[in-house]
Amino acid sequence: TEHGEGLQVLHYEVGQKYEPHFDYFVDEYNTRHGGQRMATMLMYLSDVEEGGETIFPNAKGNISAVPWWDELSKCGKGGLAVKPKMGDALLFWSMKPDATVDPSSLHGGNKGTRAATCWEPHG
């Protein structure tokens, strides 16, 4: 992307996961020298039989009503979860429209997938 960071490709080994984290910066150096991460797009590069969900533990709502609920792993049912499907992309915002951080953007990766990540800056 012209104004974004370089593409980052992640590969999870069997049993590996990505602990819940925020994509926005909390330090002044990064926000002054590249801007804040406003949005993240995950592009799923493979299918998985089980697990591999991107999980948003702070998301609120009737999460069990999502159509893919029965396809999620036990870990994936611990918050809003998106099951990876090769060729799909997931876009989510790290910041609210007023440029404050969005606590519901806390996310992690359940074991078992390969993805490419692209961040869009703000500032």
C-alpha atoms as a PDB file:
ATOM      1  CA  THR A   1       0.000   0.000   0.000  1.00  0.00           C
ATOM      2  CA  GLU A   2       1.157   3.537  -0.688  1.00  0.00           C
ATOM      3  CA  HIS A   3       0.665   4.866   2.848  1.00  0.00           C
ATOM      4  CA  GLY A   4       0.642   1.629   4.828  1.00  0.00           C
ATOM      5  CA  GLU A   5       3.309  -0.600   6.287  1.00  0.00           C
ATOM      6  CA  GLY A   6       4.804  -3.441   4.313  1.00  0.00           C
ATOM      7  CA  LEU A   7       2.907  -6.700   4.045  1.00  0.00           C
ATOM      8  CA  GLN A   8       3.665  -9.158   6.840  1.00  0.00           C
ATOM      9  CA  VAL A   9       3.147 -12.904   6.294  1.00  0.00           C
ATOM     10  CA  LEU A  10       2.581 -15.034   9.389  1.00  0.00           C
ATOM     11  CA  HIS A  11       2.768 -18.816   9.514  1.00  0.00           C
ATOM     12  CA  TYR A  12       1.623 -20.729  12.558  1.00  0.00           C
ATOM     13  CA  GLU A  13       3.224 -24.065  13.362  1.00  0.00           C
ATOM     14  CA  VAL A  14       1.108 -26.893  14.799  1.00  0.00           C
ATOM     15  CA  GLY A  15      -0.070 -25.858  18.262  1.00  0.00           C
ATOM     16  CA  GLN A  16       1.143 -22.268  17.875  1.00  0.00           C
ATOM     17  CA  LYS A  17      -1.153 -19.287  18.392  1.00  0.00           C
ATOM     18  CA  TYR A  18      -0.961 -15.501  18.535  1.00  0.00           C
ATOM     19  CA  GLU A  19      -1.854 -14.154  21.979  1.00  0.00           C
ATOM     20  CA  PRO A  20      -4.537 -11.418  22.122  1.00  0.00           C
ATOM     21  CA  HIS A  21      -3.066  -7.993  21.383  1.00  0.00           C
ATOM     22  CA  PHE A  22      -3.895  -4.586  19.919  1.00  0.00           C
ATOM     23  CA  ASP A  23      -2.469  -3.428  16.582  1.00  0.00           C
ATOM     24  CA  TYR A  24      -2.385   0.258  17.485  1.00  0.00           C
ATOM     25  CA  PHE A  25       0.762   1.816  18.906  1.00  0.00           C
ATOM     26  CA  VAL A  26       1.006   2.952  22.514  1.00  0.00           C
ATOM     27  CA  ASP A  27       4.367   4.714  22.158  1.00  0.00           C
ATOM     28  CA  GLU A  28       4.966   8.225  20.832  1.00  0.00           C
ATOM     29  CA  TYR A  29       7.883   7.271  18.557  1.00  0.00           C
ATOM     30  CA  ASN A  30       5.802   5.119  16.209  1.00  0.00           C
ATOM     31  CA  THR A  31       2.871   7.504  16.151  1.00  0.00           C
ATOM     32  CA  ARG A  32       5.180  10.448  15.305  1.00  0.00           C
ATOM     33  CA  HIS A  33       7.237   8.586  12.677  1.00  0.00           C
ATOM     34  CA  GLY A  34       4.654   6.603  10.789  1.00  0.00           C
ATOM     35  CA  GLY A  35       1.246   7.356  12.173  1.00  0.00           C
ATOM     36  CA  GLN A  36      -1.138   5.249  14.147  1.00  0.00           C
ATOM     37  CA  ARG A  37      -2.466   1.933  12.844  1.00  0.00           C
ATOM     38  CA  MET A  38      -6.065   2.784  12.066  1.00  0.00           C
ATOM     39  CA  ALA A  39      -7.169  -0.494  10.493  1.00  0.00           C
ATOM     40  CA  THR A  40      -5.914  -4.027   9.916  1.00  0.00           C
ATOM     41  CA  MET A  41      -6.730  -6.360   7.051  1.00  0.00           C
ATOM     42  CA  LEU A  42      -6.020 -10.073   7.470  1.00  0.00           C
ATOM     43  CA  MET A  43      -5.923 -12.140   4.290  1.00  0.00           C
ATOM     44  CA  TYR A  44      -6.256 -15.872   4.839  1.00  0.00           C
ATOM     45  CA  LEU A  45      -3.853 -17.897   2.695  1.00  0.00           C
ATOM     46  CA  SER A  46      -4.996 -21.395   3.652  1.00  0.00           C
ATOM     47  CA  ASP A  47      -7.939 -23.407   4.933  1.00  0.00           C
ATOM     48  CA  VAL A  48      -7.789 -25.292   8.225  1.00  0.00           C
ATOM     49  CA  GLU A  49      -9.798 -28.255   9.417  1.00  0.00           C
ATOM     50  CA  GLU A  50     -10.068 -27.020  12.987  1.00  0.00           C
ATOM     51  CA  GLY A  51      -8.979 -23.908  14.876  1.00  0.00           C
ATOM     52  CA  GLY A  52      -7.120 -21.042  13.250  1.00  0.00           C
ATOM     53  CA  GLU A  53      -9.826 -18.519  14.075  1.00  0.00           C
ATOM     54  CA  THR A  54      -9.119 -14.841  14.581  1.00  0.00           C
ATOM     55  CA  ILE A  55     -10.691 -14.160  17.973  1.00  0.00           C
ATOM     56  CA  PHE A  56     -11.924 -10.837  19.391  1.00  0.00           C
ATOM     57  CA  PRO A  57     -12.403 -11.538  23.138  1.00  0.00           C
ATOM     58  CA  ASN A  58     -13.642  -8.010  23.965  1.00  0.00           C
ATOM     59  CA  ALA A  59     -16.305  -7.912  21.244  1.00  0.00           C
ATOM     60  CA  LYS A  60     -19.855  -7.612  22.506  1.00  0.00           C
ATOM     61  CA  GLY A  61     -23.103  -8.867  21.037  1.00  0.00           C
ATOM     62  CA  ASN A  62     -25.038 -12.058  20.440  1.00  0.00           C
ATOM     63  CA  ILE A  63     -21.945 -13.892  19.265  1.00  0.00           C
ATOM     64  CA  SER A  64     -23.528 -17.356  19.189  1.00  0.00           C
ATOM     65  CA  ALA A  65     -25.922 -16.071  16.501  1.00  0.00           C
ATOM     66  CA  VAL A  66     -23.208 -15.922  13.821  1.00  0.00           C
ATOM     67  CA  PRO A  67     -23.924 -18.463  11.058  1.00  0.00           C
ATOM     68  CA  TRP A  68     -20.541 -20.191  11.475  1.00  0.00           C
ATOM     69  CA  TRP A  69     -20.913 -20.768  15.271  1.00  0.00           C
ATOM     70  CA  ASP A  70     -21.080 -24.585  14.956  1.00  0.00           C
ATOM     71  CA  GLU A  71     -17.879 -24.628  12.873  1.00  0.00           C
ATOM     72  CA  LEU A  72     -15.784 -22.858  15.543  1.00  0.00           C
ATOM     73  CA  SER A  73     -13.382 -24.635  17.861  1.00  0.00           C
ATOM     74  CA  LYS A  74     -13.938 -24.472  21.626  1.00  0.00           C
ATOM     75  CA  CYS A  75     -11.345 -21.698  21.839  1.00  0.00           C
ATOM     76  CA  GLY A  76     -13.052 -19.852  18.989  1.00  0.00           C
ATOM     77  CA  LYS A  77     -16.246 -19.628  21.017  1.00  0.00           C
ATOM     78  CA  GLY A  78     -14.507 -17.440  23.636  1.00  0.00           C
ATOM     79  CA  GLY A  79     -15.477 -14.201  21.876  1.00  0.00           C
ATOM     80  CA  LEU A  80     -16.344 -13.055  18.387  1.00  0.00           C
ATOM     81  CA  ALA A  81     -14.364 -15.361  16.097  1.00  0.00           C
ATOM     82  CA  VAL A  82     -13.812 -15.538  12.363  1.00  0.00           C
ATOM     83  CA  LYS A  83     -12.908 -18.906  10.865  1.00  0.00           C
ATOM     84  CA  PRO A  84     -10.231 -18.648   8.179  1.00  0.00           C
ATOM     85  CA  LYS A  85     -11.097 -19.614   4.635  1.00  0.00           C
ATOM     86  CA  MET A  86      -8.448 -19.425   1.921  1.00  0.00           C
ATOM     87  CA  GLY A  87      -8.987 -16.308  -0.187  1.00  0.00           C
ATOM     88  CA  ASP A  88     -11.091 -14.469   2.418  1.00  0.00           C
ATOM     89  CA  ALA A  89     -10.044 -11.206   4.042  1.00  0.00           C
ATOM     90  CA  LEU A  90     -11.017  -9.671   7.371  1.00  0.00           C
ATOM     91  CA  LEU A  91     -10.900  -5.887   7.863  1.00  0.00           C
ATOM     92  CA  PHE A  92     -11.269  -4.406  11.334  1.00  0.00           C
ATOM     93  CA  TRP A  93     -10.686  -0.985  12.859  1.00  0.00           C
ATOM     94  CA  SER A  94      -8.230  -0.369  15.692  1.00  0.00           C
ATOM     95  CA  MET A  95      -9.511   3.158  16.208  1.00  0.00           C
ATOM     96  CA  LYS A  96     -12.898   4.811  16.529  1.00  0.00           C
ATOM     97  CA  PRO A  97     -13.975   7.636  14.167  1.00  0.00           C
ATOM     98  CA  ASP A  98     -12.772  10.206  16.747  1.00  0.00           C
ATOM     99  CA  ALA A  99      -9.225   8.683  16.519  1.00  0.00           C
ATOM    100  CA  THR A 100      -9.343   7.099  19.979  1.00  0.00           C
ATOM    101  CA  VAL A 101      -8.372   3.471  20.374  1.00  0.00           C
ATOM    102  CA  ASP A 102     -11.126   0.847  20.187  1.00  0.00           C
ATOM    103  CA  PRO A 103     -10.851  -1.717  23.023  1.00  0.00           C
ATOM    104  CA  SER A 104     -12.975  -4.200  21.052  1.00  0.00           C
ATOM    105  CA  SER A 105     -10.125  -4.495  18.510  1.00  0.00           C
ATOM    106  CA  LEU A 106      -8.200  -6.750  20.928  1.00  0.00           C
ATOM    107  CA  HIS A 107      -7.616  -9.900  18.864  1.00  0.00           C
ATOM    108  CA  GLY A 108      -5.578 -13.071  18.742  1.00  0.00           C
ATOM    109  CA  GLY A 109      -4.998 -16.052  16.498  1.00  0.00           C
ATOM    110  CA  ASN A 110      -6.091 -19.522  17.540  1.00  0.00           C
ATOM    111  CA  LYS A 111      -3.698 -22.301  16.541  1.00  0.00           C
ATOM    112  CA  GLY A 112      -3.383 -23.409  12.982  1.00  0.00           C
ATOM    113  CA  THR A 113      -3.405 -21.016  10.005  1.00  0.00           C
ATOM    114  CA  ARG A 114      -1.332 -18.935   7.601  1.00  0.00           C
ATOM    115  CA  ALA A 115      -2.245 -15.303   6.934  1.00  0.00           C
ATOM    116  CA  ALA A 116      -0.949 -12.083   5.434  1.00  0.00           C
ATOM    117  CA  THR A 117      -1.471  -8.882   7.402  1.00  0.00           C
ATOM    118  CA  CYS A 118      -1.697  -5.341   6.091  1.00  0.00           C
ATOM    119  CA  TRP A 119      -1.994  -2.261   8.347  1.00  0.00           C
ATOM    120  CA  GLU A 120      -3.396   1.116   7.324  1.00  0.00           C
ATOM    121  CA  PRO A 121      -1.966   4.129   9.153  1.00  0.00           C
ATOM    122  CA  HIS A 122      -3.718   7.176  10.557  1.00  0.00           C
ATOM    123  CA  GLY A 123      -1.895  10.452  10.787  1.00  0.00           C
END
